[in-house]
């Protein structure tokens, strides 16, 4: 069950996210005063599709998966996000229900800030608005590339894109220590069986090395070539 915890203090943080660096000390203090931190255990749902939220959700610690769910009990993992990301920024200004579900992949701490308060910060500080828009566009472009991969690429290209995404998300050659094969399949819009078979092909070609649940990238350049071929 989720529980309240002590929020991190942006005003004294030496590792502020880039889009917070344009806020004044007074604005950072008001942000600290306004936000609430909540801890979620691995596997808990942070935001459910169809729910209404008047708060922007910032990932302070841990990893989450962003899921698109259909009415046919099929789901697609859009992306994996780590700390320093807003998980619902793409529909910040809308009053619609959430189109996504957000689930904790690890133990997670999120900071919640009232949407009206956050929008007021954007209106008052133009540099902050530009920096946030840059972050917003980066997330949007990432999801555009994801949907293009699914629509235009074959099995090998899709799985290569997924492994590259995980490589840069976890910032490690060992790209998967917390995801199941089923979750990797859902990231690639593939069946679990097809994913396992293609991973073994990549290992035979010395693109990756499989160590139980772990996947180690041994030739990132070749993996990128597979992605380019599609």
Protein backbone atom coordinates (compact mmCIF):
# COMPACT_ATOMS: atom_id res chain seq x y z
CA UNK A 1 0.00 0.00 0.00
CA UNK A 2 1.33 3.44 -0.91
CA UNK A 3 2.39 5.71 1.94
CA UNK A 4 3.39 9.31 2.45
CA UNK A 5 7.09 10.02 2.89
CA UNK A 6 9.38 13.02 3.27
CA UNK A 7 9.71 14.80 -0.11
CA UNK A 8 13.12 15.72 -1.46
CA UNK A 9 13.99 19.40 -1.17
CA UNK A 10 14.61 21.03 -4.54
CA UNK A 11 15.86 24.21 -2.88
CA UNK A 12 18.93 22.44 -1.41
CA UNK A 13 19.39 19.71 -4.03
CA UNK A 14 22.77 19.69 -5.82
CA UNK A 15 21.43 17.44 -8.58
CA UNK A 16 18.40 19.41 -9.71
CA UNK A 17 16.71 18.33 -12.92
CA UNK A 18 17.61 20.65 -15.78
CA UNK A 19 14.13 22.15 -16.06
CA UNK A 20 14.16 23.16 -12.36
CA UNK A 21 17.42 25.10 -12.63
CA UNK A 22 15.65 28.11 -14.14
CA UNK A 23 13.46 28.55 -11.04
CA UNK A 24 14.44 31.16 -8.46
CA UNK A 25 15.15 30.18 -4.85
CA UNK A 26 11.76 31.58 -3.88
CA UNK A 27 10.00 29.54 -6.57
CA UNK A 28 11.89 26.40 -5.54
CA UNK A 29 10.86 26.96 -1.93
CA UNK A 30 7.21 27.41 -2.92
CA UNK A 31 7.45 24.20 -4.97
CA UNK A 32 8.87 22.33 -1.98
CA UNK A 33 6.06 23.65 0.21
CA UNK A 34 3.39 22.65 -2.32
CA UNK A 35 4.42 19.10 -3.18
CA UNK A 36 3.68 15.81 -1.46
CA UNK A 37 5.85 12.69 -1.69
CA UNK A 38 4.36 9.19 -1.80
CA UNK A 39 6.17 5.86 -1.69
CA UNK A 40 4.96 2.92 -3.82
CA UNK A 41 6.18 -0.65 -3.57
CA UNK A 42 7.24 -2.63 -6.63
CA UNK A 43 4.17 -3.72 -8.61
CA UNK A 44 1.80 -1.09 -7.20
CA UNK A 45 -0.24 1.07 -9.57
CA UNK A 46 0.60 4.77 -9.38
CA UNK A 47 -1.93 5.99 -11.95
CA UNK A 48 -4.74 3.97 -13.53
CA UNK A 49 -6.15 4.41 -17.03
CA UNK A 50 -9.46 6.26 -16.80
CA UNK A 51 -8.61 7.98 -13.52
CA UNK A 52 -8.79 11.75 -13.15
CA UNK A 53 -5.78 13.46 -11.61
CA UNK A 54 -5.40 17.10 -10.62
CA UNK A 55 -1.74 16.58 -9.78
CA UNK A 56 1.38 16.33 -11.88
CA UNK A 57 3.44 13.27 -10.99
CA UNK A 58 7.23 13.57 -10.85
CA UNK A 59 9.38 10.46 -10.45
CA UNK A 60 11.89 11.11 -7.68
CA UNK A 61 13.29 7.59 -7.18
CA UNK A 62 12.99 4.24 -8.94
CA UNK A 63 11.60 3.05 -12.28
CA UNK A 64 8.07 2.84 -13.66
CA UNK A 65 6.45 1.39 -16.77
CA UNK A 66 3.99 3.42 -18.84
CA UNK A 67 1.23 1.15 -20.16
CA UNK A 68 -1.42 1.53 -22.85
CA UNK A 69 -4.29 -0.88 -22.19
CA UNK A 70 -6.92 -1.97 -24.71
CA UNK A 71 -10.45 -3.19 -24.07
CA UNK A 72 -9.35 -6.65 -25.19
CA UNK A 73 -7.08 -7.38 -22.21
CA UNK A 74 -4.00 -6.62 -24.28
CA UNK A 75 -1.42 -4.10 -23.12
CA UNK A 76 1.55 -2.29 -24.65
CA UNK A 77 4.35 -0.86 -22.54
CA UNK A 78 5.11 2.50 -24.15
CA UNK A 79 8.34 3.10 -22.25
CA UNK A 80 10.30 2.68 -19.05
CA UNK A 81 11.01 5.87 -17.11
CA UNK A 82 13.58 6.49 -14.38
CA UNK A 83 13.96 9.25 -11.81
CA UNK A 84 13.85 12.83 -13.03
CA UNK A 85 10.83 12.37 -15.30
CA UNK A 86 7.23 13.54 -15.23
CA UNK A 87 5.01 10.54 -15.87
CA UNK A 88 1.86 12.42 -16.92
CA UNK A 89 3.24 15.60 -18.53
CA UNK A 90 1.80 14.79 -21.97
CA UNK A 91 -1.74 15.48 -20.75
CA UNK A 92 -0.95 18.10 -18.11
CA UNK A 93 -3.24 20.79 -19.53
CA UNK A 94 -6.18 18.47 -20.25
CA UNK A 95 -9.08 17.77 -17.95
CA UNK A 96 -9.61 14.35 -19.50
CA UNK A 97 -9.08 11.05 -17.73
CA UNK A 98 -5.68 9.41 -17.95
CA UNK A 99 -5.07 7.45 -21.19
CA UNK A 100 -2.25 5.47 -19.55
CA UNK A 101 -1.56 3.26 -16.55
CA UNK A 102 1.64 3.78 -14.56
CA UNK A 103 3.03 0.87 -12.51
CA UNK A 104 6.10 0.76 -10.25
CA UNK A 105 8.81 -1.55 -11.61
CA UNK A 106 10.88 -1.06 -8.46
CA UNK A 107 10.17 0.62 -5.15
CA UNK A 108 9.32 4.17 -6.20
CA UNK A 109 8.96 7.63 -4.69
CA UNK A 110 6.89 10.19 -6.59
CA UNK A 111 6.32 13.87 -5.86
CA UNK A 112 2.79 15.17 -6.46
CA UNK A 113 2.17 18.84 -7.24
CA UNK A 114 -1.20 20.47 -7.82
CA UNK A 115 -1.68 21.07 -11.54
CA UNK A 116 -2.96 24.63 -11.10
CA UNK A 117 0.07 25.54 -8.97
CA UNK A 118 2.43 24.03 -11.55
CA UNK A 119 0.72 25.79 -14.45
CA UNK A 120 1.03 29.07 -12.55
CA UNK A 121 4.80 28.51 -12.29
CA UNK A 122 4.94 27.97 -16.05
CA UNK A 123 2.99 31.19 -16.69
CA UNK A 124 5.17 33.28 -14.37
CA UNK A 125 8.60 32.00 -15.42
CA UNK A 126 9.17 31.94 -19.18
CA UNK A 127 12.55 30.19 -18.97
CA UNK A 128 11.04 27.45 -16.84
CA UNK A 129 8.21 27.07 -19.36
CA UNK A 130 10.71 26.70 -22.21
CA UNK A 131 12.76 24.12 -20.29
CA UNK A 132 9.64 22.17 -19.38
CA UNK A 133 8.43 22.30 -22.99
CA UNK A 134 11.78 20.87 -24.09
CA UNK A 135 11.31 17.97 -21.65
CA UNK A 136 7.71 17.58 -22.83
CA UNK A 137 8.81 17.42 -26.48
CA UNK A 138 11.56 14.90 -25.69
CA UNK A 139 9.02 12.54 -24.13
CA UNK A 140 6.59 13.07 -26.99
CA UNK A 141 9.26 12.37 -29.61
CA UNK A 142 10.32 9.23 -27.76
CA UNK A 143 6.77 7.88 -27.90
CA UNK A 144 6.45 8.88 -31.56
CA UNK A 145 9.59 6.85 -32.36
CA UNK A 146 8.15 3.96 -30.37
CA UNK A 147 4.91 3.90 -32.36
CA UNK A 148 6.84 4.26 -35.64
CA UNK A 149 8.98 1.26 -34.68
CA UNK A 150 5.91 -0.85 -33.97
CA UNK A 151 4.16 0.20 -37.17
CA UNK A 152 7.08 -0.02 -39.59
CA UNK A 153 9.62 -2.53 -38.28
CA UNK A 154 9.80 -6.30 -38.19
CA UNK A 155 10.47 -8.43 -35.11
CA UNK A 156 14.26 -7.96 -35.02
CA UNK A 157 14.05 -4.21 -35.50
CA UNK A 158 11.43 -3.78 -32.78
CA UNK A 159 13.35 -5.85 -30.26
CA UNK A 160 16.58 -4.03 -31.09
CA UNK A 161 14.82 -0.71 -30.44
CA UNK A 162 13.57 -1.99 -27.10
CA UNK A 163 17.03 -3.11 -25.99
CA UNK A 164 18.53 0.23 -27.04
CA UNK A 165 15.80 2.07 -25.10
CA UNK A 166 16.56 -0.02 -22.01
CA UNK A 167 20.31 0.51 -22.45
CA UNK A 168 19.93 4.29 -22.26
CA UNK A 169 17.25 4.16 -19.56
CA UNK A 170 19.31 2.02 -17.18
CA UNK A 171 22.62 3.54 -18.37
CA UNK A 172 24.31 0.15 -18.29
CA UNK A 173 25.41 -2.56 -20.70
CA UNK A 174 23.31 -4.99 -18.65
CA UNK A 175 19.98 -3.61 -19.78
CA UNK A 176 17.54 -5.80 -17.91
CA UNK A 177 17.65 -6.77 -14.28
CA UNK A 178 14.07 -5.97 -13.32
CA UNK A 179 11.98 -6.76 -16.41
CA UNK A 180 10.47 -10.13 -17.24
CA UNK A 181 10.56 -11.55 -20.76
CA UNK A 182 6.82 -10.86 -20.95
CA UNK A 183 7.41 -7.17 -20.17
CA UNK A 184 10.15 -6.97 -22.82
CA UNK A 185 7.66 -8.50 -25.26
CA UNK A 186 5.03 -5.90 -24.31
CA UNK A 187 7.61 -3.15 -24.84
CA UNK A 188 8.18 -4.49 -28.36
CA UNK A 189 4.54 -5.39 -29.17
CA UNK A 190 5.63 -9.00 -29.71
CA UNK A 191 4.59 -12.33 -28.27
CA UNK A 192 6.67 -13.65 -25.39
CA UNK A 193 7.66 -16.71 -27.43
CA UNK A 194 8.82 -14.57 -30.36
CA UNK A 195 10.79 -12.34 -28.00
CA UNK A 196 12.60 -15.27 -26.37
CA UNK A 197 13.44 -16.79 -29.76
CA UNK A 198 14.81 -13.50 -31.14
CA UNK A 199 16.87 -12.86 -28.01
CA UNK A 200 18.52 -16.25 -28.55
CA UNK A 201 19.21 -15.28 -32.18
CA UNK A 202 20.89 -12.07 -30.98
CA UNK A 203 23.00 -14.10 -28.55
CA UNK A 204 24.08 -16.49 -31.33
CA UNK A 205 25.09 -13.46 -33.41
CA UNK A 206 27.09 -12.14 -30.40
CA UNK A 207 25.00 -8.98 -30.17
CA UNK A 208 23.98 -9.76 -26.58
CA UNK A 209 24.84 -12.20 -23.80
CA UNK A 210 22.08 -13.83 -21.77
CA UNK A 211 22.75 -14.47 -18.08
CA UNK A 212 19.56 -15.87 -16.64
CA UNK A 213 17.21 -12.91 -16.42
CA UNK A 214 19.93 -10.41 -17.35
CA UNK A 215 20.63 -9.24 -20.89
CA UNK A 216 24.10 -7.82 -21.54
CA UNK A 217 24.68 -5.86 -24.75
CA UNK A 218 28.05 -6.92 -26.19
CA UNK A 219 27.86 -5.07 -29.52
CA UNK A 220 25.79 -1.88 -29.32
CA UNK A 221 26.84 -0.74 -32.82
CA UNK A 222 25.56 -3.97 -34.38
CA UNK A 223 22.34 -3.67 -32.39
CA UNK A 224 21.86 -0.17 -33.81
CA UNK A 225 22.44 -1.53 -37.34
CA UNK A 226 19.71 -4.13 -36.76
CA UNK A 227 17.45 -1.30 -35.65
CA UNK A 228 18.26 0.74 -38.77
CA UNK A 229 17.53 -2.21 -41.06
CA UNK A 230 14.20 -2.60 -39.29
